[in-house]
Amino acid sequence: MNIQLVAGLLGVESGQDAVIRALLFKQKDDRVVPYPYKVSDFTSRLSNLRNTLGDTGIADQGLVPGYILAGDKNFVAYARTPAQILRIVYASGNESSPGGFYPRGGDGRFARQYLSKP
């Protein structure tokens, strides 16, 4: 894959993430009707789920006071491997077991590679 394409996609995705996180951060203490939870509760639970499914340790974080952008202690974006991403989007915790957003599995080169494993 072309490095310029990857860098461009990363830039766009990072920008989108920043806008979404900024909007959520403004509403972090708002209750999500009809649930008894706040926006910050949902973001923390989703981040914990992504960390668990991806088997990455901490590579995601909810709305942390004082930080709109997610990153490590050096303010560097968290990295994930293709396998870790598949574990999350498949919602199975297993890069070879489709489900979640892709019930029949992904159709890209990496996804097909993991699906063809015995």
Protein backbone atom coordinates (compact mmCIF):
# COMPACT_ATOMS: atom_id res chain seq x y z
CA MET A 1 0.00 0.00 0.00
CA ASN A 2 1.20 3.48 -0.82
CA ILE A 3 2.68 5.22 2.26
CA GLN A 4 1.17 8.56 1.19
CA LEU A 5 -2.28 6.97 1.05
CA VAL A 6 -1.84 5.45 4.51
CA ALA A 7 -0.59 8.76 5.93
CA GLY A 8 -3.51 10.60 4.36
CA LEU A 9 -6.05 8.14 5.74
CA LEU A 10 -4.46 8.35 9.17
CA GLY A 11 -4.67 12.13 9.10
CA VAL A 12 -8.36 12.11 8.17
CA GLU A 13 -9.22 9.45 10.75
CA SER A 14 -7.32 11.32 13.46
CA GLY A 15 -9.16 14.52 12.64
CA GLN A 16 -12.52 12.79 12.76
CA ASP A 17 -11.66 11.15 16.07
CA ALA A 18 -10.64 14.51 17.54
CA VAL A 19 -13.92 16.16 16.52
CA ILE A 20 -16.02 13.30 17.90
CA ARG A 21 -14.07 13.17 21.16
CA ALA A 22 -14.35 16.95 21.58
CA LEU A 23 -18.12 16.78 21.17
CA LEU A 24 -18.39 13.86 23.58
CA PHE A 25 -16.10 15.59 26.07
CA LYS A 26 -18.44 18.60 26.16
CA GLN A 27 -21.27 16.22 27.09
CA LYS A 28 -19.30 13.85 29.31
CA ASP A 29 -21.48 14.48 32.38
CA ASP A 30 -24.81 14.31 30.52
CA ARG A 31 -27.06 11.33 31.23
CA VAL A 32 -27.86 9.12 28.22
CA VAL A 33 -31.64 8.71 28.35
CA PRO A 34 -33.19 6.20 29.06
CA TYR A 35 -30.10 4.71 30.74
CA PRO A 36 -28.79 5.62 34.19
CA TYR A 37 -25.33 6.25 32.72
CA LYS A 38 -23.43 9.35 31.67
CA VAL A 39 -21.71 9.82 28.30
CA SER A 40 -18.35 9.31 30.05
CA ASP A 41 -19.55 5.96 31.43
CA PHE A 42 -20.37 4.72 27.93
CA THR A 43 -17.06 5.89 26.46
CA SER A 44 -15.12 4.20 29.26
CA ARG A 45 -17.04 0.94 28.83
CA LEU A 46 -16.52 1.00 25.06
CA SER A 47 -12.81 1.67 25.47
CA ASN A 48 -12.49 -1.16 27.98
CA LEU A 49 -14.33 -3.49 25.59
CA ARG A 50 -12.01 -2.54 22.69
CA ASN A 51 -8.98 -3.11 24.92
CA THR A 52 -10.32 -6.52 25.98
CA LEU A 53 -11.35 -7.67 22.50
CA GLY A 54 -8.14 -6.40 20.90
CA ASP A 55 -6.03 -8.06 23.61
CA THR A 56 -3.84 -4.96 23.47
CA GLY A 57 -3.45 -3.91 27.06
CA ILE A 58 -4.33 -0.23 27.06
CA ALA A 59 -4.63 1.02 23.48
CA ASP A 60 -7.83 2.96 23.95
CA GLN A 61 -9.21 5.26 26.60
CA GLY A 62 -12.49 6.89 27.41
CA LEU A 63 -12.90 10.58 28.15
CA VAL A 64 -9.99 11.35 30.45
CA PRO A 65 -10.28 14.72 32.23
CA GLY A 66 -7.89 17.20 30.67
CA TYR A 67 -7.26 15.16 27.51
CA ILE A 68 -9.43 15.30 24.43
CA LEU A 69 -7.07 13.24 22.27
CA ALA A 70 -6.36 9.62 23.13
CA GLY A 71 -2.70 8.71 23.37
CA ASP A 72 0.01 7.19 25.51
CA LYS A 73 2.04 8.98 28.20
CA ASN A 74 4.11 10.65 25.47
CA PHE A 75 0.98 11.83 23.60
CA VAL A 76 1.67 9.39 20.78
CA ALA A 77 -1.33 7.67 19.18
CA TYR A 78 -1.92 4.11 20.29
CA ALA A 79 -0.94 1.52 17.71
CA ARG A 80 -2.82 -1.64 16.79
CA THR A 81 -1.88 -4.51 14.52
CA PRO A 82 -4.26 -5.74 11.80
CA ALA A 83 -5.07 -8.77 13.98
CA GLN A 84 -5.97 -6.56 16.93
CA ILE A 85 -8.25 -4.44 14.74
CA LEU A 86 -10.01 -7.54 13.39
CA ARG A 87 -10.56 -8.84 16.95
CA ILE A 88 -12.37 -5.59 17.74
CA VAL A 89 -14.45 -5.11 14.58
CA TYR A 90 -15.43 -8.80 14.62
CA ALA A 91 -16.43 -8.34 18.31
CA SER A 92 -15.15 -11.86 18.89
CA GLY A 93 -11.74 -11.24 20.40
CA ASN A 94 -10.41 -13.59 17.69
CA GLU A 95 -9.09 -12.33 14.36
CA SER A 96 -10.18 -15.58 12.69
CA SER A 97 -13.79 -15.53 13.97
CA PRO A 98 -16.02 -13.10 12.05
CA GLY A 99 -18.90 -11.31 13.68
CA GLY A 100 -19.74 -7.83 14.88
CA PHE A 101 -19.49 -5.30 12.05
CA TYR A 102 -18.37 -8.05 9.63
CA PRO A 103 -20.47 -11.17 10.25
CA ARG A 104 -19.04 -12.83 7.11
CA GLY A 105 -15.53 -11.53 7.70
CA GLY A 106 -13.59 -8.74 6.06
CA ASP A 107 -12.73 -8.91 2.39
CA GLY A 108 -9.34 -7.21 2.48
CA ARG A 109 -6.00 -8.95 2.12
CA PHE A 110 -5.26 -9.02 5.86
CA ALA A 111 -8.75 -10.18 6.82
CA ARG A 112 -8.71 -12.99 4.21
CA GLN A 113 -5.28 -14.04 5.45
CA TYR A 114 -6.56 -14.52 9.01
CA LEU A 115 -9.79 -16.22 7.89
CA SER A 116 -7.85 -18.81 5.90
CA LYS A 117 -6.00 -19.96 9.03
CA PRO A 118 -7.02 -23.42 10.24
